[in-house]
């Protein structure tokens, strides 16, 4: 894998916005739809908490070696779970030894198989997740988050988007996503500013 800091974007990203935010600004019609999808996926109704779903997103992104998505969703997950960034970094390093709930560990194993190929998921994987307390909707939502982030990761890396190296940048992004969600975060800055002025 080429280091993201060594690649320039393949298309003209407005304002050099980082990661997927730049792609949303480049093509707002798809950006709006994807922002709404991410909001439903990661903040909508689910037996999995937003922190658990963000952890799956960060884990899958790390396994796909997508730096921007790994760092932004790790920071978001850290803002939403007990244990903070230390726990999320431990999950990314080795989910099998991280101090997480057995159900989440079993779902991460499924998510990692989905990342490689959905055909790798076995009935034994599903039964292990059930034995750890997962219900059908837990399993469904974990597979959907993993699948969606394979798409998001390839979208970001396939266009060589800007990937800042400073952790503080991702902490800012993560804080915004944890509190404001994805619809607000997906709006290009100039549009967000206009909307804010209209509310005053």
N, C-alpha and C. Protein backbone atom coordinates (compact mmCIF):
# COMPACT_ATOMS: atom_id res chain seq x y z
N UNK A 1 0.84 -1.19 0.00
CA UNK A 1 0.00 0.00 0.00
C UNK A 1 0.87 1.24 0.00
N UNK A 2 0.55 2.19 -0.85
CA UNK A 2 1.30 3.44 -0.84
C UNK A 2 0.87 4.28 0.35
N UNK A 3 1.80 5.03 0.92
CA UNK A 3 1.51 5.87 2.07
C UNK A 3 0.63 7.03 1.61
N UNK A 4 -0.53 7.29 2.29
CA UNK A 4 -1.42 8.37 1.83
C UNK A 4 -0.76 9.73 1.79
N UNK A 5 0.24 9.96 2.62
CA UNK A 5 0.87 11.29 2.62
C UNK A 5 1.72 11.51 1.38
N UNK A 6 2.03 10.41 0.65
CA UNK A 6 2.85 10.52 -0.55
C UNK A 6 2.01 10.65 -1.82
N UNK A 7 0.67 10.66 -1.69
CA UNK A 7 -0.19 10.72 -2.87
C UNK A 7 -0.95 12.04 -2.90
N UNK A 8 -1.00 12.64 -4.08
CA UNK A 8 -1.83 13.82 -4.28
C UNK A 8 -3.19 13.37 -4.79
N UNK A 9 -4.27 14.07 -4.45
CA UNK A 9 -5.60 13.67 -4.94
C UNK A 9 -5.63 13.56 -6.46
N UNK A 10 -6.37 12.58 -6.94
CA UNK A 10 -6.48 12.36 -8.38
C UNK A 10 -7.47 13.31 -9.04
N UNK A 11 -8.32 13.95 -8.25
CA UNK A 11 -9.28 14.92 -8.78
C UNK A 11 -9.13 16.22 -7.99
N UNK A 12 -9.77 17.26 -8.48
CA UNK A 12 -9.65 18.58 -7.85
C UNK A 12 -10.60 18.66 -6.65
N UNK A 13 -10.04 18.47 -5.46
CA UNK A 13 -10.84 18.48 -4.22
C UNK A 13 -11.04 19.93 -3.76
N UNK A 14 -12.28 20.39 -3.60
CA UNK A 14 -12.52 21.77 -3.17
C UNK A 14 -11.86 22.07 -1.82
N UNK A 15 -11.06 23.11 -1.79
CA UNK A 15 -10.47 23.56 -0.53
C UNK A 15 -9.54 22.57 0.14
N UNK A 16 -9.08 21.56 -0.59
CA UNK A 16 -8.23 20.53 0.00
C UNK A 16 -8.86 19.91 1.25
N UNK A 17 -10.19 19.79 1.27
CA UNK A 17 -10.86 19.15 2.40
C UNK A 17 -10.40 17.70 2.52
N UNK A 18 -10.23 17.22 3.74
CA UNK A 18 -9.68 15.87 3.91
C UNK A 18 -10.70 14.76 3.69
N UNK A 19 -10.18 13.61 3.26
CA UNK A 19 -10.96 12.39 3.19
C UNK A 19 -12.27 12.51 2.46
N UNK A 20 -13.27 11.85 3.00
CA UNK A 20 -14.56 11.78 2.33
C UNK A 20 -15.26 13.13 2.31
N UNK A 21 -14.90 14.03 3.24
CA UNK A 21 -15.51 15.36 3.23
C UNK A 21 -15.20 16.08 1.93
N UNK A 22 -13.99 15.90 1.42
CA UNK A 22 -13.63 16.51 0.15
C UNK A 22 -14.44 15.95 -1.01
N UNK A 23 -14.73 14.65 -0.97
CA UNK A 23 -15.52 14.03 -2.03
C UNK A 23 -16.98 14.47 -1.95
N UNK A 24 -17.49 14.65 -0.74
CA UNK A 24 -18.85 15.14 -0.58
C UNK A 24 -18.97 16.56 -1.14
N UNK A 25 -17.94 17.38 -0.91
CA UNK A 25 -17.96 18.75 -1.44
C UNK A 25 -17.79 18.75 -2.95
N UNK A 26 -17.02 17.79 -3.49
CA UNK A 26 -16.81 17.70 -4.93
C UNK A 26 -18.11 17.39 -5.66
N UNK A 27 -18.91 16.47 -5.08
CA UNK A 27 -20.16 16.08 -5.73
C UNK A 27 -21.26 16.02 -4.66
N UNK A 28 -21.85 17.18 -4.34
CA UNK A 28 -22.79 17.27 -3.23
C UNK A 28 -24.01 16.35 -3.35
N UNK A 29 -24.47 16.07 -4.58
CA UNK A 29 -25.67 15.24 -4.70
C UNK A 29 -25.44 13.83 -4.17
N UNK A 30 -24.27 13.25 -4.46
CA UNK A 30 -23.98 11.95 -3.87
C UNK A 30 -23.51 12.11 -2.43
N UNK A 31 -22.83 13.21 -2.13
CA UNK A 31 -22.39 13.45 -0.76
C UNK A 31 -23.55 13.52 0.21
N UNK A 32 -24.63 14.19 -0.19
CA UNK A 32 -25.80 14.29 0.68
C UNK A 32 -26.42 12.92 0.93
N UNK A 33 -26.55 12.13 -0.13
CA UNK A 33 -27.13 10.79 0.03
C UNK A 33 -26.26 9.90 0.91
N UNK A 34 -24.94 9.98 0.73
CA UNK A 34 -24.05 9.15 1.53
C UNK A 34 -23.99 9.62 2.98
N UNK A 35 -24.10 10.92 3.20
CA UNK A 35 -24.15 11.44 4.57
C UNK A 35 -25.39 10.94 5.29
N UNK A 36 -26.52 10.96 4.60
CA UNK A 36 -27.77 10.48 5.20
C UNK A 36 -27.70 8.98 5.47
N UNK A 37 -27.08 8.24 4.55
CA UNK A 37 -26.89 6.80 4.77
C UNK A 37 -26.01 6.55 5.99
N UNK A 38 -24.90 7.29 6.10
CA UNK A 38 -24.01 7.13 7.25
C UNK A 38 -24.71 7.46 8.56
N UNK A 39 -25.56 8.48 8.53
CA UNK A 39 -26.32 8.85 9.73
C UNK A 39 -27.23 7.71 10.16
N UNK A 40 -27.94 7.11 9.20
CA UNK A 40 -28.81 5.99 9.51
C UNK A 40 -28.00 4.79 9.98
N UNK A 41 -26.92 4.52 9.29
CA UNK A 41 -26.09 3.36 9.57
C UNK A 41 -25.47 3.43 10.97
N UNK A 42 -24.95 4.60 11.33
CA UNK A 42 -24.15 4.71 12.55
C UNK A 42 -24.86 5.39 13.72
N UNK A 43 -25.99 6.06 13.44
CA UNK A 43 -26.73 6.74 14.51
C UNK A 43 -28.19 6.35 14.56
N UNK A 44 -28.66 5.61 13.56
CA UNK A 44 -30.06 5.21 13.53
C UNK A 44 -30.36 4.10 14.51
N UNK A 45 -31.59 3.62 14.48
CA UNK A 45 -32.03 2.57 15.39
C UNK A 45 -31.22 1.28 15.19
N UNK A 46 -30.69 0.75 16.29
CA UNK A 46 -29.90 -0.48 16.23
C UNK A 46 -29.69 -0.97 17.65
N UNK A 47 -29.63 -2.30 17.84
CA UNK A 47 -29.26 -2.81 19.16
C UNK A 47 -27.80 -2.54 19.49
N UNK A 48 -26.99 -2.25 18.47
CA UNK A 48 -25.60 -1.88 18.69
C UNK A 48 -25.53 -0.39 18.98
N UNK A 49 -24.77 -0.01 19.98
CA UNK A 49 -24.64 1.40 20.32
C UNK A 49 -23.87 2.13 19.22
N UNK A 50 -24.02 3.46 19.14
CA UNK A 50 -23.18 4.21 18.21
C UNK A 50 -21.69 3.95 18.42
N UNK A 51 -21.27 3.82 19.67
CA UNK A 51 -19.86 3.53 19.94
C UNK A 51 -19.42 2.19 19.39
N UNK A 52 -20.28 1.17 19.51
CA UNK A 52 -19.95 -0.14 18.96
C UNK A 52 -19.88 -0.10 17.44
N UNK A 53 -20.81 0.61 16.83
CA UNK A 53 -20.80 0.70 15.36
C UNK A 53 -19.59 1.49 14.87
N UNK A 54 -19.23 2.54 15.58
CA UNK A 54 -18.03 3.30 15.21
C UNK A 54 -16.78 2.45 15.40
N UNK A 55 -16.78 1.60 16.41
CA UNK A 55 -15.63 0.71 16.63
C UNK A 55 -15.48 -0.26 15.47
N UNK A 56 -16.60 -0.81 15.01
CA UNK A 56 -16.56 -1.70 13.84
C UNK A 56 -16.05 -0.93 12.62
N UNK A 57 -16.52 0.29 12.43
CA UNK A 57 -16.09 1.12 11.30
C UNK A 57 -14.59 1.37 11.35
N UNK A 58 -14.08 1.72 12.53
CA UNK A 58 -12.64 1.98 12.68
C UNK A 58 -11.83 0.71 12.45
N UNK A 59 -12.32 -0.41 12.97
CA UNK A 59 -11.60 -1.68 12.84
C UNK A 59 -11.51 -2.12 11.38
N UNK A 60 -12.64 -2.10 10.70
CA UNK A 60 -12.65 -2.49 9.29
C UNK A 60 -11.75 -1.57 8.48
N UNK A 61 -11.82 -0.27 8.74
CA UNK A 61 -10.99 0.69 8.01
C UNK A 61 -9.51 0.44 8.26
N UNK A 62 -9.16 0.08 9.50
CA UNK A 62 -7.76 -0.21 9.81
C UNK A 62 -7.29 -1.45 9.07
N UNK A 63 -8.15 -2.45 9.00
CA UNK A 63 -7.78 -3.69 8.31
C UNK A 63 -7.70 -3.47 6.80
N UNK A 64 -8.44 -2.47 6.30
CA UNK A 64 -8.34 -2.10 4.88
C UNK A 64 -7.20 -1.11 4.63
N UNK A 65 -6.52 -0.69 5.70
CA UNK A 65 -5.38 0.22 5.63
C UNK A 65 -5.76 1.59 5.07
N UNK A 66 -6.97 2.04 5.39
CA UNK A 66 -7.43 3.35 4.95
C UNK A 66 -7.21 4.33 6.10
N UNK A 67 -6.18 5.13 5.99
CA UNK A 67 -5.71 5.95 7.11
C UNK A 67 -6.76 6.96 7.55
N UNK A 68 -7.34 7.71 6.62
CA UNK A 68 -8.30 8.74 7.00
C UNK A 68 -9.48 8.15 7.75
N UNK A 69 -10.08 7.10 7.22
CA UNK A 69 -11.26 6.51 7.85
C UNK A 69 -10.90 5.86 9.19
N UNK A 70 -9.74 5.22 9.26
CA UNK A 70 -9.32 4.62 10.52
C UNK A 70 -9.21 5.67 11.60
N UNK A 71 -8.50 6.75 11.30
CA UNK A 71 -8.25 7.76 12.32
C UNK A 71 -9.52 8.54 12.68
N UNK A 72 -10.33 8.88 11.71
CA UNK A 72 -11.53 9.67 12.01
C UNK A 72 -12.54 8.85 12.79
N UNK A 73 -12.71 7.57 12.44
CA UNK A 73 -13.70 6.75 13.16
C UNK A 73 -13.15 6.22 14.48
N UNK A 74 -11.85 6.06 14.58
CA UNK A 74 -11.26 5.73 15.88
C UNK A 74 -11.48 6.88 16.85
N UNK A 75 -11.28 8.10 16.39
CA UNK A 75 -11.50 9.27 17.24
C UNK A 75 -12.97 9.41 17.62
N UNK A 76 -13.86 9.12 16.68
CA UNK A 76 -15.29 9.19 16.97
C UNK A 76 -15.68 8.12 17.98
N UNK A 77 -15.23 6.89 17.75
CA UNK A 77 -15.53 5.80 18.69
C UNK A 77 -14.99 6.13 20.07
N UNK A 78 -13.79 6.68 20.13
CA UNK A 78 -13.17 7.00 21.42
C UNK A 78 -14.00 8.00 22.21
N UNK A 79 -14.69 8.89 21.49
CA UNK A 79 -15.54 9.89 22.16
C UNK A 79 -16.85 9.29 22.65
N UNK A 80 -17.16 8.06 22.22
CA UNK A 80 -18.47 7.47 22.51
C UNK A 80 -18.41 6.26 23.42
N UNK A 81 -17.23 5.70 23.68
CA UNK A 81 -17.14 4.48 24.48
C UNK A 81 -16.36 4.72 25.76
N UNK A 82 -16.69 3.94 26.78
CA UNK A 82 -15.86 3.94 27.98
C UNK A 82 -14.51 3.34 27.60
N UNK A 83 -13.45 3.93 28.09
CA UNK A 83 -12.12 3.45 27.74
C UNK A 83 -11.42 4.33 26.73
N UNK A 84 -12.20 5.15 26.01
CA UNK A 84 -11.62 6.15 25.12
C UNK A 84 -10.67 5.61 24.08
N UNK A 85 -9.70 6.45 23.71
CA UNK A 85 -8.80 6.11 22.61
C UNK A 85 -7.91 4.92 22.94
N UNK A 86 -7.56 4.77 24.21
CA UNK A 86 -6.71 3.62 24.58
C UNK A 86 -7.40 2.31 24.23
N UNK A 87 -8.69 2.21 24.50
CA UNK A 87 -9.43 0.99 24.18
C UNK A 87 -9.54 0.80 22.67
N UNK A 88 -9.87 1.86 21.94
CA UNK A 88 -10.03 1.73 20.49
C UNK A 88 -8.70 1.35 19.84
N UNK A 89 -7.61 1.95 20.29
CA UNK A 89 -6.30 1.57 19.75
C UNK A 89 -6.00 0.10 20.03
N UNK A 90 -6.42 -0.39 21.20
CA UNK A 90 -6.21 -1.80 21.53
C UNK A 90 -7.01 -2.71 20.61
N UNK A 91 -8.23 -2.30 20.29
CA UNK A 91 -9.07 -3.07 19.36
C UNK A 91 -8.40 -3.13 17.99
N UNK A 92 -7.93 -1.99 17.52
CA UNK A 92 -7.28 -1.94 16.21
C UNK A 92 -6.01 -2.79 16.20
N UNK A 93 -5.29 -2.77 17.30
CA UNK A 93 -4.05 -3.55 17.38
C UNK A 93 -4.33 -5.05 17.42
N UNK A 94 -5.32 -5.47 18.22
CA UNK A 94 -5.63 -6.89 18.35
C UNK A 94 -6.99 -7.05 19.03
N UNK A 95 -8.02 -7.21 18.24
CA UNK A 95 -9.37 -7.29 18.78
C UNK A 95 -9.55 -8.50 19.69
N UNK A 96 -8.78 -9.55 19.46
CA UNK A 96 -8.93 -10.76 20.28
C UNK A 96 -8.47 -10.56 21.71
N UNK A 97 -7.54 -9.65 21.94
CA UNK A 97 -7.03 -9.44 23.30
C UNK A 97 -7.53 -8.15 23.94
N UNK A 98 -8.22 -7.30 23.18
CA UNK A 98 -8.72 -6.03 23.71
C UNK A 98 -9.81 -6.28 24.76
N UNK A 99 -9.92 -5.38 25.70
CA UNK A 99 -10.88 -5.51 26.80
C UNK A 99 -12.26 -5.05 26.36
N UNK A 100 -12.90 -5.86 25.50
CA UNK A 100 -14.22 -5.53 24.98
C UNK A 100 -15.18 -6.66 25.28
N UNK A 101 -16.46 -6.37 25.13
CA UNK A 101 -17.51 -7.35 25.35
C UNK A 101 -17.36 -8.52 24.38
N UNK A 102 -17.57 -9.77 24.86
CA UNK A 102 -17.44 -10.93 23.95
C UNK A 102 -18.33 -10.85 22.72
N UNK A 103 -19.51 -10.23 22.86
CA UNK A 103 -20.38 -10.09 21.69
C UNK A 103 -19.73 -9.21 20.63
N UNK A 104 -19.19 -8.08 21.05
CA UNK A 104 -18.53 -7.19 20.09
C UNK A 104 -17.32 -7.88 19.46
N UNK A 105 -16.58 -8.64 20.25
CA UNK A 105 -15.42 -9.36 19.70
C UNK A 105 -15.85 -10.33 18.61
N UNK A 106 -16.94 -11.07 18.86
CA UNK A 106 -17.45 -12.02 17.87
C UNK A 106 -17.93 -11.30 16.62
N UNK A 107 -18.56 -10.14 16.79
CA UNK A 107 -19.03 -9.36 15.64
C UNK A 107 -17.87 -8.78 14.84
N UNK A 108 -16.80 -8.39 15.53
CA UNK A 108 -15.61 -7.90 14.83
C UNK A 108 -14.97 -9.01 13.99
N UNK A 109 -15.00 -10.23 14.49
CA UNK A 109 -14.47 -11.35 13.71
C UNK A 109 -15.28 -11.53 12.43
N UNK A 110 -16.59 -11.43 12.55
CA UNK A 110 -17.44 -11.51 11.36
C UNK A 110 -17.15 -10.34 10.43
N UNK A 111 -17.04 -9.14 10.99
CA UNK A 111 -16.79 -7.95 10.18
C UNK A 111 -15.49 -8.08 9.39
N UNK A 112 -14.47 -8.67 10.02
CA UNK A 112 -13.19 -8.81 9.33
C UNK A 112 -13.30 -9.81 8.18
N UNK A 113 -14.11 -10.85 8.36
CA UNK A 113 -14.32 -11.79 7.26
C UNK A 113 -15.11 -11.13 6.13
N UNK A 114 -16.13 -10.35 6.49
CA UNK A 114 -16.89 -9.62 5.47
C UNK A 114 -15.97 -8.72 4.67
N UNK A 115 -15.03 -8.07 5.37
CA UNK A 115 -14.07 -7.17 4.72
C UNK A 115 -13.31 -7.89 3.60
N UNK A 116 -12.95 -9.12 3.84
CA UNK A 116 -12.20 -9.87 2.82
C UNK A 116 -13.15 -10.42 1.76
N UNK A 117 -14.21 -11.05 2.20
CA UNK A 117 -15.24 -11.58 1.30
C UNK A 117 -16.40 -12.07 2.16
N UNK A 118 -17.61 -11.67 1.79
CA UNK A 118 -18.77 -12.16 2.52
C UNK A 118 -18.86 -13.67 2.53
N UNK A 119 -18.28 -14.30 1.52
CA UNK A 119 -18.34 -15.76 1.44
C UNK A 119 -17.49 -16.43 2.51
N UNK A 120 -16.62 -15.68 3.17
CA UNK A 120 -15.81 -16.27 4.24
C UNK A 120 -16.58 -16.44 5.54
N UNK A 121 -17.69 -15.74 5.69
CA UNK A 121 -18.48 -15.86 6.91
C UNK A 121 -19.15 -17.24 6.92
N UNK A 122 -19.01 -17.94 8.05
CA UNK A 122 -19.57 -19.28 8.16
C UNK A 122 -20.69 -19.32 9.20
N UNK A 123 -21.46 -20.40 9.15
CA UNK A 123 -22.51 -20.58 10.16
C UNK A 123 -21.90 -20.68 11.55
N UNK A 124 -20.68 -21.20 11.65
CA UNK A 124 -20.01 -21.28 12.95
C UNK A 124 -19.72 -19.88 13.49
N UNK A 125 -19.29 -18.95 12.61
CA UNK A 125 -19.06 -17.58 13.03
C UNK A 125 -20.33 -16.97 13.61
N UNK A 126 -21.43 -17.22 12.94
CA UNK A 126 -22.71 -16.67 13.38
C UNK A 126 -23.15 -17.31 14.69
N UNK A 127 -22.98 -18.62 14.81
CA UNK A 127 -23.35 -19.29 16.05
C UNK A 127 -22.48 -18.84 17.21
N UNK A 128 -21.21 -18.57 16.95
CA UNK A 128 -20.34 -18.04 18.01
C UNK A 128 -20.81 -16.67 18.47
N UNK A 129 -21.25 -15.85 17.52
CA UNK A 129 -21.78 -14.54 17.88
C UNK A 129 -23.07 -14.68 18.69
N UNK A 130 -23.92 -15.61 18.30
CA UNK A 130 -25.15 -15.85 19.05
C UNK A 130 -24.83 -16.32 20.47
N UNK A 131 -23.86 -17.22 20.58
CA UNK A 131 -23.48 -17.73 21.91
C UNK A 131 -22.95 -16.61 22.80
N UNK A 132 -22.40 -15.56 22.19
CA UNK A 132 -21.88 -14.42 22.95
C UNK A 132 -22.97 -13.38 23.23
N UNK A 133 -24.19 -13.65 22.77
CA UNK A 133 -25.31 -12.76 23.08
C UNK A 133 -25.86 -11.98 21.91
N UNK A 134 -25.32 -12.16 20.71
CA UNK A 134 -25.80 -11.41 19.55
C UNK A 134 -27.13 -11.97 19.06
N UNK A 135 -28.02 -11.05 18.71
CA UNK A 135 -29.29 -11.41 18.07
C UNK A 135 -29.17 -11.16 16.57
N UNK A 136 -30.22 -11.52 15.84
CA UNK A 136 -30.16 -11.37 14.38
C UNK A 136 -29.86 -9.94 13.96
N UNK A 137 -30.47 -8.96 14.63
CA UNK A 137 -30.27 -7.57 14.21
C UNK A 137 -28.85 -7.10 14.51
N UNK A 138 -28.25 -7.59 15.61
CA UNK A 138 -26.84 -7.28 15.88
C UNK A 138 -25.96 -7.76 14.73
N UNK A 139 -26.20 -9.00 14.31
CA UNK A 139 -25.38 -9.61 13.26
C UNK A 139 -25.61 -8.87 11.94
N UNK A 140 -26.87 -8.59 11.63
CA UNK A 140 -27.19 -7.84 10.41
C UNK A 140 -26.47 -6.50 10.39
N UNK A 141 -26.58 -5.76 11.49
CA UNK A 141 -26.03 -4.41 11.50
C UNK A 141 -24.51 -4.42 11.46
N UNK A 142 -23.88 -5.39 12.10
CA UNK A 142 -22.42 -5.49 12.04
C UNK A 142 -21.95 -5.78 10.61
N UNK A 143 -22.66 -6.68 9.93
CA UNK A 143 -22.31 -6.99 8.54
C UNK A 143 -22.53 -5.78 7.64
N UNK A 144 -23.62 -5.05 7.87
CA UNK A 144 -23.89 -3.87 7.05
C UNK A 144 -22.83 -2.78 7.26
N UNK A 145 -22.45 -2.53 8.52
CA UNK A 145 -21.41 -1.53 8.78
C UNK A 145 -20.10 -1.95 8.11
N UNK A 146 -19.73 -3.21 8.25
CA UNK A 146 -18.49 -3.69 7.63
C UNK A 146 -18.54 -3.55 6.11
N UNK A 147 -19.65 -3.92 5.52
CA UNK A 147 -19.80 -3.83 4.06
C UNK A 147 -19.73 -2.38 3.60
N UNK A 148 -20.45 -1.51 4.30
CA UNK A 148 -20.48 -0.10 3.92
C UNK A 148 -19.10 0.53 4.01
N UNK A 149 -18.33 0.15 5.04
CA UNK A 149 -17.03 0.78 5.18
C UNK A 149 -16.01 0.25 4.19
N UNK A 150 -16.22 -0.92 3.67
CA UNK A 150 -15.37 -1.34 2.54
C UNK A 150 -15.61 -0.39 1.36
N UNK A 151 -16.87 -0.03 1.13
CA UNK A 151 -17.18 0.92 0.06
C UNK A 151 -16.60 2.31 0.37
N UNK A 152 -16.82 2.81 1.59
CA UNK A 152 -16.29 4.12 1.95
C UNK A 152 -14.76 4.15 1.86
N UNK A 153 -14.12 3.09 2.33
CA UNK A 153 -12.65 3.02 2.28
C UNK A 153 -12.14 3.07 0.85
N UNK A 154 -12.78 2.34 -0.04
CA UNK A 154 -12.31 2.31 -1.42
C UNK A 154 -12.61 3.62 -2.14
N UNK A 155 -13.68 4.26 -1.76
CA UNK A 155 -14.03 5.57 -2.31
C UNK A 155 -12.95 6.59 -1.93
N UNK A 156 -12.57 6.60 -0.67
CA UNK A 156 -11.56 7.54 -0.17
C UNK A 156 -10.18 7.26 -0.77
N UNK A 157 -9.77 5.99 -0.75
CA UNK A 157 -8.43 5.65 -1.24
C UNK A 157 -8.35 5.63 -2.76
N UNK A 158 -9.45 5.26 -3.41
CA UNK A 158 -9.44 5.16 -4.87
C UNK A 158 -9.27 6.51 -5.56
N UNK A 159 -9.57 7.59 -4.84
CA UNK A 159 -9.38 8.94 -5.38
C UNK A 159 -8.24 9.67 -4.69
N UNK A 160 -7.49 8.95 -3.86
CA UNK A 160 -6.29 9.50 -3.20
C UNK A 160 -6.60 10.80 -2.46
N UNK A 161 -7.64 10.74 -1.62
CA UNK A 161 -8.04 11.95 -0.91
C UNK A 161 -6.98 12.39 0.10
N UNK A 162 -7.12 13.63 0.54
CA UNK A 162 -6.19 14.21 1.51
C UNK A 162 -6.32 13.48 2.85
N UNK A 163 -5.19 13.07 3.43
CA UNK A 163 -5.20 12.35 4.71
C UNK A 163 -4.21 13.02 5.66
N UNK A 164 -4.66 13.99 6.45
CA UNK A 164 -3.74 14.66 7.38
C UNK A 164 -3.09 13.66 8.33
N UNK A 165 -1.92 14.01 8.83
CA UNK A 165 -1.19 13.11 9.73
C UNK A 165 -1.37 13.47 11.20
N UNK A 166 -1.81 14.69 11.49
CA UNK A 166 -1.87 15.15 12.88
C UNK A 166 -3.09 14.54 13.57
N UNK A 167 -2.84 13.90 14.73
CA UNK A 167 -3.95 13.28 15.46
C UNK A 167 -4.97 14.32 15.88
N UNK A 168 -4.53 15.55 16.17
CA UNK A 168 -5.46 16.60 16.61
C UNK A 168 -6.54 16.85 15.57
N UNK A 169 -6.19 16.74 14.28
CA UNK A 169 -7.18 16.93 13.22
C UNK A 169 -8.29 15.91 13.35
N UNK A 170 -7.92 14.65 13.62
CA UNK A 170 -8.91 13.58 13.72
C UNK A 170 -9.71 13.68 15.01
N UNK A 171 -9.09 14.16 16.06
CA UNK A 171 -9.84 14.37 17.31
C UNK A 171 -10.92 15.42 17.10
N UNK A 172 -10.62 16.44 16.29
CA UNK A 172 -11.62 17.46 15.98
C UNK A 172 -12.75 16.86 15.14
N UNK A 173 -12.38 16.08 14.12
CA UNK A 173 -13.39 15.42 13.29
C UNK A 173 -14.23 14.48 14.13
N UNK A 174 -13.56 13.67 14.97
CA UNK A 174 -14.28 12.70 15.80
C UNK A 174 -15.22 13.37 16.77
N UNK A 175 -14.79 14.47 17.36
CA UNK A 175 -15.67 15.19 18.27
C UNK A 175 -16.90 15.72 17.58
N UNK A 176 -16.72 16.22 16.35
CA UNK A 176 -17.85 16.73 15.59
C UNK A 176 -18.81 15.61 15.21
N UNK A 177 -18.28 14.48 14.75
CA UNK A 177 -19.14 13.36 14.35
C UNK A 177 -19.86 12.77 15.56
N UNK A 178 -19.19 12.72 16.70
CA UNK A 178 -19.80 12.15 17.90
C UNK A 178 -20.96 13.00 18.41
N UNK A 179 -20.86 14.31 18.23
CA UNK A 179 -21.89 15.20 18.77
C UNK A 179 -22.91 15.63 17.73
N UNK A 180 -22.47 15.93 16.52
CA UNK A 180 -23.37 16.48 15.50
C UNK A 180 -23.87 15.43 14.51
N UNK A 181 -23.19 14.29 14.42
CA UNK A 181 -23.60 13.27 13.47
C UNK A 181 -23.11 13.53 12.07
N UNK A 182 -23.64 12.78 11.13
CA UNK A 182 -23.09 12.74 9.78
C UNK A 182 -23.75 13.68 8.79
N UNK A 183 -25.00 14.00 8.98
CA UNK A 183 -25.66 14.88 8.02
C UNK A 183 -25.05 16.27 8.09
N UNK A 184 -24.86 16.78 9.30
CA UNK A 184 -24.23 18.10 9.45
C UNK A 184 -22.80 18.08 8.96
N UNK A 185 -22.08 17.00 9.25
CA UNK A 185 -20.67 16.92 8.87
C UNK A 185 -20.49 16.78 7.37
N UNK A 186 -21.49 16.27 6.67
CA UNK A 186 -21.35 16.06 5.24
C UNK A 186 -21.66 17.28 4.39
N UNK A 187 -22.18 18.32 5.00
CA UNK A 187 -22.52 19.53 4.25
C UNK A 187 -21.25 20.32 3.98
N UNK A 188 -20.99 20.75 2.73
CA UNK A 188 -19.82 21.58 2.46
C UNK A 188 -19.81 22.81 3.35
N UNK A 189 -18.62 23.24 3.81
CA UNK A 189 -18.53 24.32 4.79
C UNK A 189 -19.29 25.58 4.41
N UNK A 190 -19.25 25.98 3.12
CA UNK A 190 -19.92 27.22 2.73
C UNK A 190 -21.43 27.08 2.88
N UNK A 191 -21.95 25.86 2.60
CA UNK A 191 -23.39 25.63 2.75
C UNK A 191 -23.78 25.65 4.22
N UNK A 192 -22.93 25.01 5.05
CA UNK A 192 -23.20 24.98 6.48
C UNK A 192 -23.22 26.39 7.06
N UNK A 193 -22.30 27.22 6.60
CA UNK A 193 -22.24 28.60 7.09
C UNK A 193 -23.49 29.36 6.71
N UNK A 194 -23.96 29.15 5.47
CA UNK A 194 -25.17 29.83 5.02
C UNK A 194 -26.37 29.38 5.82
N UNK A 195 -26.44 28.06 6.09
CA UNK A 195 -27.57 27.53 6.86
C UNK A 195 -27.57 28.10 8.27
N UNK A 196 -26.38 28.22 8.86
CA UNK A 196 -26.28 28.77 10.20
C UNK A 196 -26.73 30.21 10.26
N UNK A 197 -26.42 31.00 9.24
CA UNK A 197 -26.82 32.40 9.22
C UNK A 197 -28.33 32.53 9.09
N UNK A 198 -28.92 31.58 8.36
CA UNK A 198 -30.36 31.63 8.18
C UNK A 198 -31.12 31.34 9.47
N UNK A 199 -30.48 30.63 10.42
CA UNK A 199 -31.15 30.28 11.67
C UNK A 199 -31.05 31.38 12.71
N UNK A 200 -30.20 32.39 12.47
CA UNK A 200 -29.99 33.42 13.47
C UNK A 200 -31.13 34.44 13.48
